[in-house]
N, C-alpha and C. Protein backbone atom coordinates (compact mmCIF):
# COMPACT_ATOMS: atom_id res chain seq x y z
N MET A 1 5.39 20.41 24.20
CA MET A 1 4.15 20.67 23.50
C MET A 1 4.33 20.50 21.99
N LEU A 2 5.46 20.95 21.48
CA LEU A 2 5.70 20.87 20.05
C LEU A 2 5.76 19.42 19.58
N GLU A 3 6.29 18.53 20.44
CA GLU A 3 6.36 17.13 20.08
C GLU A 3 4.96 16.54 19.93
N SER A 4 4.04 16.95 20.80
CA SER A 4 2.67 16.44 20.69
C SER A 4 1.99 16.95 19.42
N LEU A 5 2.31 18.17 19.02
CA LEU A 5 1.75 18.70 17.77
C LEU A 5 2.28 17.92 16.56
N ILE A 6 3.56 17.59 16.59
CA ILE A 6 4.14 16.83 15.48
C ILE A 6 3.56 15.43 15.45
N GLY A 7 3.39 14.80 16.62
CA GLY A 7 2.77 13.48 16.68
C GLY A 7 1.34 13.50 16.16
N MET A 8 0.61 14.55 16.51
CA MET A 8 -0.76 14.70 16.03
C MET A 8 -0.77 14.87 14.51
N TYR A 9 0.16 15.64 13.99
CA TYR A 9 0.25 15.85 12.55
C TYR A 9 0.53 14.53 11.82
N HIS A 10 1.42 13.73 12.36
CA HIS A 10 1.73 12.44 11.73
C HIS A 10 0.52 11.50 11.77
N ARG A 11 -0.24 11.55 12.85
CA ARG A 11 -1.46 10.75 12.94
C ARG A 11 -2.47 11.20 11.88
N HIS A 12 -2.60 12.50 11.70
CA HIS A 12 -3.53 13.03 10.69
C HIS A 12 -3.06 12.69 9.28
N GLN A 13 -1.75 12.66 9.07
CA GLN A 13 -1.21 12.29 7.77
C GLN A 13 -1.67 10.89 7.37
N LYS A 14 -1.65 9.98 8.32
CA LYS A 14 -2.09 8.61 8.04
C LYS A 14 -3.55 8.59 7.59
N TYR A 15 -4.39 9.33 8.29
CA TYR A 15 -5.80 9.38 7.92
C TYR A 15 -6.00 9.97 6.53
N LEU A 16 -5.26 11.03 6.23
CA LEU A 16 -5.40 11.67 4.92
C LEU A 16 -4.89 10.76 3.80
N MET A 17 -3.86 9.97 4.09
CA MET A 17 -3.38 9.01 3.08
C MET A 17 -4.44 7.95 2.79
N VAL A 18 -5.16 7.54 3.83
CA VAL A 18 -6.25 6.57 3.62
C VAL A 18 -7.32 7.19 2.73
N PHE A 19 -7.69 8.43 2.98
CA PHE A 19 -8.70 9.09 2.15
C PHE A 19 -8.23 9.22 0.70
N ILE A 20 -6.97 9.54 0.50
CA ILE A 20 -6.44 9.64 -0.86
C ILE A 20 -6.45 8.27 -1.52
N GLY A 21 -6.15 7.23 -0.76
CA GLY A 21 -6.23 5.86 -1.29
C GLY A 21 -7.64 5.50 -1.71
N VAL A 22 -8.62 5.90 -0.91
CA VAL A 22 -10.03 5.66 -1.27
C VAL A 22 -10.37 6.40 -2.56
N CYS A 23 -9.86 7.62 -2.70
CA CYS A 23 -10.10 8.37 -3.94
C CYS A 23 -9.46 7.68 -5.13
N LEU A 24 -8.28 7.13 -4.96
CA LEU A 24 -7.64 6.41 -6.06
C LEU A 24 -8.43 5.17 -6.45
N VAL A 25 -8.92 4.43 -5.46
CA VAL A 25 -9.74 3.25 -5.75
C VAL A 25 -11.01 3.67 -6.47
N GLY A 26 -11.65 4.73 -5.99
CA GLY A 26 -12.86 5.23 -6.66
C GLY A 26 -12.58 5.73 -8.07
N TRP A 27 -11.44 6.31 -8.26
CA TRP A 27 -11.05 6.82 -9.57
C TRP A 27 -10.88 5.66 -10.56
N PHE A 28 -10.25 4.59 -10.11
CA PHE A 28 -9.98 3.46 -11.01
C PHE A 28 -11.18 2.53 -11.19
N LEU A 29 -12.03 2.40 -10.19
CA LEU A 29 -13.06 1.36 -10.22
C LEU A 29 -14.48 1.85 -10.45
N THR A 30 -14.70 3.13 -10.48
CA THR A 30 -16.07 3.63 -10.69
C THR A 30 -16.11 4.52 -11.93
N PRO A 31 -17.31 4.74 -12.45
CA PRO A 31 -17.42 5.65 -13.60
C PRO A 31 -17.42 7.13 -13.21
N TYR A 32 -17.31 7.44 -11.91
CA TYR A 32 -17.35 8.82 -11.44
C TYR A 32 -15.94 9.39 -11.29
N VAL A 33 -15.19 9.36 -12.38
CA VAL A 33 -13.79 9.75 -12.36
C VAL A 33 -13.62 11.21 -11.94
N HIS A 34 -14.42 12.12 -12.50
CA HIS A 34 -14.24 13.54 -12.21
C HIS A 34 -14.58 13.87 -10.75
N ILE A 35 -15.50 13.12 -10.15
CA ILE A 35 -15.83 13.37 -8.74
C ILE A 35 -14.66 12.96 -7.85
N PHE A 36 -14.08 11.79 -8.10
CA PHE A 36 -12.96 11.35 -7.28
C PHE A 36 -11.69 12.16 -7.54
N LEU A 37 -11.51 12.64 -8.77
CA LEU A 37 -10.37 13.53 -9.02
C LEU A 37 -10.54 14.86 -8.30
N GLY A 38 -11.78 15.36 -8.27
CA GLY A 38 -12.04 16.59 -7.51
C GLY A 38 -11.79 16.40 -6.03
N LEU A 39 -12.25 15.26 -5.49
CA LEU A 39 -11.98 14.97 -4.08
C LEU A 39 -10.49 14.89 -3.81
N LYS A 40 -9.77 14.22 -4.70
CA LYS A 40 -8.33 14.07 -4.51
C LYS A 40 -7.62 15.42 -4.59
N LEU A 41 -8.02 16.26 -5.52
CA LEU A 41 -7.43 17.60 -5.62
C LEU A 41 -7.68 18.39 -4.34
N GLY A 42 -8.91 18.34 -3.84
CA GLY A 42 -9.22 19.04 -2.59
C GLY A 42 -8.46 18.49 -1.41
N LEU A 43 -8.34 17.17 -1.34
CA LEU A 43 -7.58 16.56 -0.25
C LEU A 43 -6.12 16.96 -0.28
N ILE A 44 -5.53 16.96 -1.46
CA ILE A 44 -4.12 17.31 -1.57
C ILE A 44 -3.89 18.77 -1.20
N VAL A 45 -4.76 19.66 -1.65
CA VAL A 45 -4.61 21.07 -1.31
C VAL A 45 -4.87 21.29 0.18
N GLY A 46 -5.88 20.61 0.74
CA GLY A 46 -6.13 20.71 2.17
C GLY A 46 -4.96 20.19 2.99
N TRP A 47 -4.37 19.09 2.53
CA TRP A 47 -3.20 18.52 3.21
C TRP A 47 -2.02 19.48 3.12
N PHE A 48 -1.82 20.10 1.96
CA PHE A 48 -0.75 21.08 1.80
C PHE A 48 -0.97 22.26 2.75
N ASN A 49 -2.20 22.73 2.85
CA ASN A 49 -2.50 23.85 3.74
C ASN A 49 -2.23 23.48 5.19
N TYR A 50 -2.59 22.27 5.56
CA TYR A 50 -2.34 21.80 6.93
C TYR A 50 -0.83 21.70 7.19
N TRP A 51 -0.09 21.18 6.22
CA TRP A 51 1.36 21.09 6.35
C TRP A 51 1.98 22.48 6.50
N LEU A 52 1.49 23.41 5.68
CA LEU A 52 2.02 24.78 5.74
C LEU A 52 1.71 25.41 7.10
N LEU A 53 0.51 25.21 7.59
CA LEU A 53 0.14 25.73 8.90
C LEU A 53 0.99 25.10 10.00
N MET A 54 1.27 23.82 9.88
CA MET A 54 2.11 23.14 10.87
C MET A 54 3.53 23.70 10.86
N ARG A 55 4.09 23.91 9.67
CA ARG A 55 5.43 24.49 9.59
C ARG A 55 5.49 25.89 10.19
N ARG A 56 4.48 26.69 9.90
CA ARG A 56 4.46 28.05 10.43
C ARG A 56 4.27 28.05 11.94
N THR A 57 3.50 27.08 12.46
CA THR A 57 3.32 26.97 13.91
C THR A 57 4.63 26.59 14.57
N GLN A 58 5.38 25.67 13.96
CA GLN A 58 6.69 25.30 14.49
C GLN A 58 7.64 26.50 14.49
N ALA A 59 7.64 27.26 13.41
CA ALA A 59 8.51 28.43 13.32
C ALA A 59 8.11 29.48 14.35
N MET A 60 6.80 29.66 14.56
CA MET A 60 6.33 30.62 15.53
C MET A 60 6.73 30.19 16.95
N THR A 61 6.58 28.91 17.24
CA THR A 61 6.94 28.40 18.57
C THR A 61 8.43 28.59 18.83
N LYS A 62 9.24 28.30 17.82
CA LYS A 62 10.68 28.49 17.96
C LYS A 62 11.04 29.96 18.14
N ALA A 63 10.40 30.84 17.37
CA ALA A 63 10.68 32.28 17.49
C ALA A 63 10.27 32.82 18.85
N LEU A 64 9.14 32.35 19.36
CA LEU A 64 8.71 32.81 20.68
C LEU A 64 9.63 32.29 21.78
N ALA A 65 10.12 31.06 21.63
CA ALA A 65 11.04 30.51 22.62
C ALA A 65 12.37 31.26 22.62
N GLU A 66 12.77 31.76 21.46
CA GLU A 66 14.03 32.51 21.35
C GLU A 66 13.82 34.01 21.52
N ASN A 67 12.60 34.41 21.84
CA ASN A 67 12.26 35.82 22.07
C ASN A 67 12.49 36.69 20.84
N ARG A 68 12.17 36.13 19.66
CA ARG A 68 12.28 36.88 18.40
C ARG A 68 10.90 37.27 17.91
N ASN A 69 10.87 38.22 16.98
CA ASN A 69 9.61 38.60 16.35
C ASN A 69 9.18 37.55 15.34
N PHE A 70 7.88 37.47 15.15
CA PHE A 70 7.33 36.51 14.20
C PHE A 70 6.18 37.17 13.46
N TYR A 71 6.16 36.99 12.14
CA TYR A 71 5.14 37.65 11.33
C TYR A 71 4.31 36.62 10.57
N GLY A 72 3.05 36.53 10.89
CA GLY A 72 2.08 35.76 10.13
C GLY A 72 2.19 34.26 10.20
N ILE A 73 1.09 33.60 9.84
CA ILE A 73 1.06 32.14 9.82
C ILE A 73 0.73 31.61 8.43
N GLY A 74 0.97 32.40 7.40
CA GLY A 74 0.82 31.92 6.03
C GLY A 74 -0.60 31.90 5.50
N THR A 75 -1.44 32.77 5.98
CA THR A 75 -2.83 32.78 5.54
C THR A 75 -2.95 33.07 4.05
N VAL A 76 -2.16 34.00 3.56
CA VAL A 76 -2.23 34.37 2.14
C VAL A 76 -1.83 33.18 1.26
N ALA A 77 -0.80 32.46 1.65
CA ALA A 77 -0.37 31.29 0.87
C ALA A 77 -1.44 30.22 0.86
N ARG A 78 -2.10 29.98 2.01
CA ARG A 78 -3.14 28.97 2.07
C ARG A 78 -4.36 29.38 1.24
N MET A 79 -4.73 30.65 1.31
CA MET A 79 -5.85 31.13 0.49
C MET A 79 -5.51 31.05 -0.99
N GLY A 80 -4.26 31.35 -1.32
CA GLY A 80 -3.82 31.27 -2.71
C GLY A 80 -3.88 29.85 -3.24
N SER A 81 -3.53 28.88 -2.43
CA SER A 81 -3.59 27.49 -2.90
C SER A 81 -5.03 27.04 -3.11
N VAL A 82 -5.93 27.49 -2.24
CA VAL A 82 -7.35 27.17 -2.44
C VAL A 82 -7.87 27.86 -3.69
N LEU A 83 -7.46 29.10 -3.92
CA LEU A 83 -7.86 29.81 -5.12
C LEU A 83 -7.34 29.11 -6.37
N LEU A 84 -6.10 28.65 -6.34
CA LEU A 84 -5.53 27.92 -7.47
C LEU A 84 -6.29 26.62 -7.73
N ALA A 85 -6.62 25.89 -6.68
CA ALA A 85 -7.38 24.65 -6.84
C ALA A 85 -8.77 24.93 -7.41
N THR A 86 -9.39 26.02 -6.98
CA THR A 86 -10.70 26.39 -7.51
C THR A 86 -10.61 26.77 -8.98
N ILE A 87 -9.58 27.49 -9.35
CA ILE A 87 -9.39 27.86 -10.76
C ILE A 87 -9.18 26.61 -11.60
N ILE A 88 -8.35 25.69 -11.10
CA ILE A 88 -8.12 24.44 -11.85
C ILE A 88 -9.42 23.68 -12.03
N ALA A 89 -10.20 23.56 -10.96
CA ALA A 89 -11.45 22.79 -11.03
C ALA A 89 -12.49 23.45 -11.93
N THR A 90 -12.54 24.77 -11.93
CA THR A 90 -13.53 25.44 -12.77
C THR A 90 -13.10 25.50 -14.23
N GLN A 91 -11.81 25.54 -14.49
CA GLN A 91 -11.34 25.60 -15.87
C GLN A 91 -11.31 24.23 -16.53
N LEU A 92 -11.26 23.17 -15.75
CA LEU A 92 -11.22 21.81 -16.29
C LEU A 92 -12.36 20.98 -15.70
N PRO A 93 -13.62 21.37 -15.96
CA PRO A 93 -14.74 20.65 -15.33
C PRO A 93 -14.91 19.22 -15.85
N GLU A 94 -14.33 18.90 -17.00
CA GLU A 94 -14.42 17.52 -17.49
C GLU A 94 -13.50 16.58 -16.71
N TYR A 95 -12.54 17.14 -15.97
CA TYR A 95 -11.64 16.33 -15.15
C TYR A 95 -11.93 16.43 -13.66
N PHE A 96 -12.32 17.62 -13.21
CA PHE A 96 -12.50 17.86 -11.77
C PHE A 96 -13.91 18.36 -11.49
N HIS A 97 -14.54 17.77 -10.49
CA HIS A 97 -15.85 18.22 -10.03
C HIS A 97 -15.62 19.27 -8.95
N VAL A 98 -16.18 20.46 -9.14
CA VAL A 98 -15.89 21.59 -8.25
C VAL A 98 -16.38 21.31 -6.83
N TYR A 99 -17.60 20.81 -6.68
CA TYR A 99 -18.15 20.60 -5.34
C TYR A 99 -17.41 19.49 -4.59
N SER A 100 -16.97 18.47 -5.30
CA SER A 100 -16.21 17.44 -4.61
C SER A 100 -14.82 17.94 -4.25
N MET A 101 -14.28 18.87 -5.03
CA MET A 101 -13.00 19.49 -4.66
C MET A 101 -13.17 20.28 -3.36
N LEU A 102 -14.27 21.01 -3.23
CA LEU A 102 -14.54 21.74 -2.00
C LEU A 102 -14.76 20.80 -0.83
N ALA A 103 -15.42 19.68 -1.08
CA ALA A 103 -15.60 18.68 -0.02
C ALA A 103 -14.26 18.09 0.40
N GLY A 104 -13.38 17.87 -0.56
CA GLY A 104 -12.04 17.37 -0.25
C GLY A 104 -11.26 18.34 0.61
N LEU A 105 -11.41 19.63 0.36
CA LEU A 105 -10.77 20.63 1.23
C LEU A 105 -11.29 20.52 2.65
N GLY A 106 -12.58 20.31 2.78
CA GLY A 106 -13.19 20.20 4.10
C GLY A 106 -12.83 18.93 4.83
N ILE A 107 -12.52 17.86 4.09
CA ILE A 107 -12.18 16.59 4.74
C ILE A 107 -10.93 16.72 5.59
N ALA A 108 -9.96 17.47 5.11
CA ALA A 108 -8.72 17.66 5.89
C ALA A 108 -9.04 18.29 7.25
N TYR A 109 -9.90 19.28 7.27
CA TYR A 109 -10.25 19.92 8.53
C TYR A 109 -11.18 19.06 9.36
N ALA A 110 -12.02 18.26 8.72
CA ALA A 110 -12.89 17.33 9.44
C ALA A 110 -12.05 16.26 10.14
N VAL A 111 -10.98 15.80 9.50
CA VAL A 111 -10.08 14.82 10.12
C VAL A 111 -9.47 15.42 11.39
N ILE A 112 -9.02 16.65 11.32
CA ILE A 112 -8.43 17.31 12.48
C ILE A 112 -9.45 17.41 13.61
N PHE A 113 -10.67 17.84 13.28
CA PHE A 113 -11.72 18.03 14.27
C PHE A 113 -12.13 16.71 14.90
N LEU A 114 -12.38 15.69 14.09
CA LEU A 114 -12.81 14.40 14.62
C LEU A 114 -11.70 13.74 15.44
N ASP A 115 -10.47 13.87 15.00
CA ASP A 115 -9.36 13.32 15.78
C ASP A 115 -9.26 14.01 17.12
N PHE A 116 -9.46 15.30 17.16
CA PHE A 116 -9.42 16.03 18.43
C PHE A 116 -10.49 15.51 19.37
N ILE A 117 -11.69 15.32 18.87
CA ILE A 117 -12.79 14.82 19.72
C ILE A 117 -12.49 13.41 20.21
N LEU A 118 -12.10 12.52 19.31
CA LEU A 118 -11.84 11.13 19.69
C LEU A 118 -10.65 11.03 20.65
N TYR A 119 -9.60 11.78 20.40
CA TYR A 119 -8.44 11.74 21.27
C TYR A 119 -8.77 12.32 22.64
N SER A 120 -9.61 13.36 22.69
CA SER A 120 -10.03 13.92 23.98
C SER A 120 -10.84 12.91 24.77
N LEU A 121 -11.74 12.20 24.10
CA LEU A 121 -12.52 11.17 24.78
C LEU A 121 -11.61 10.04 25.27
N TYR A 122 -10.63 9.67 24.47
CA TYR A 122 -9.68 8.62 24.86
C TYR A 122 -8.89 9.04 26.09
N ARG A 123 -8.40 10.26 26.10
CA ARG A 123 -7.63 10.74 27.25
C ARG A 123 -8.48 10.84 28.49
N ARG A 124 -9.73 11.28 28.34
CA ARG A 124 -10.63 11.38 29.48
C ARG A 124 -10.89 9.99 30.07
N LYS A 125 -11.12 9.01 29.19
CA LYS A 125 -11.36 7.64 29.64
C LYS A 125 -10.12 7.09 30.33
N LYS A 126 -8.95 7.39 29.78
CA LYS A 126 -7.69 6.92 30.36
C LYS A 126 -7.46 7.54 31.73
N LEU A 127 -7.78 8.82 31.88
CA LEU A 127 -7.60 9.50 33.18
C LEU A 127 -8.57 8.98 34.22
N THR A 128 -9.82 8.74 33.85
CA THR A 128 -10.79 8.23 34.82
C THR A 128 -10.46 6.80 35.21
N LYS A 129 -9.90 6.01 34.29
CA LYS A 129 -9.49 4.65 34.61
C LYS A 129 -8.33 4.66 35.60
N ARG A 130 -7.41 5.61 35.43
CA ARG A 130 -6.25 5.71 36.30
C ARG A 130 -6.66 6.14 37.72
N GLU A 131 -7.66 7.04 37.81
CA GLU A 131 -8.10 7.53 39.11
C GLU A 131 -8.90 6.48 39.87
N GLY A 132 -9.61 5.64 39.12
CA GLY A 132 -10.51 4.67 39.76
C GLY A 132 -9.87 3.42 40.11
């Protein structure tokens, strides 16, 4: 099971890199620099939060397999990083757009959600093809 989680994480990393690339292109080629910087900041913080959650999930899985105690999944650290990104965006509004930073945070979770739906549909189609 852990291998499938790691594979899923690597697949999501590719999607997030594409979004960051789009933000870089928008940053260089459009006059909306602060919007794309806000999106990029949100994407990077969202990606960091996802990475942190993945690491904590791996540690929890390992601890449960070894019958050890496990404490927390890093919620405080993830909330702190979002708080830091919000402080940066609000203190430097000439560089970062606050609402696009929040949208960038949501994109990381939207990638996870959409990938889950698409992968579930793919597996269902694959299973029905195998049965038929």
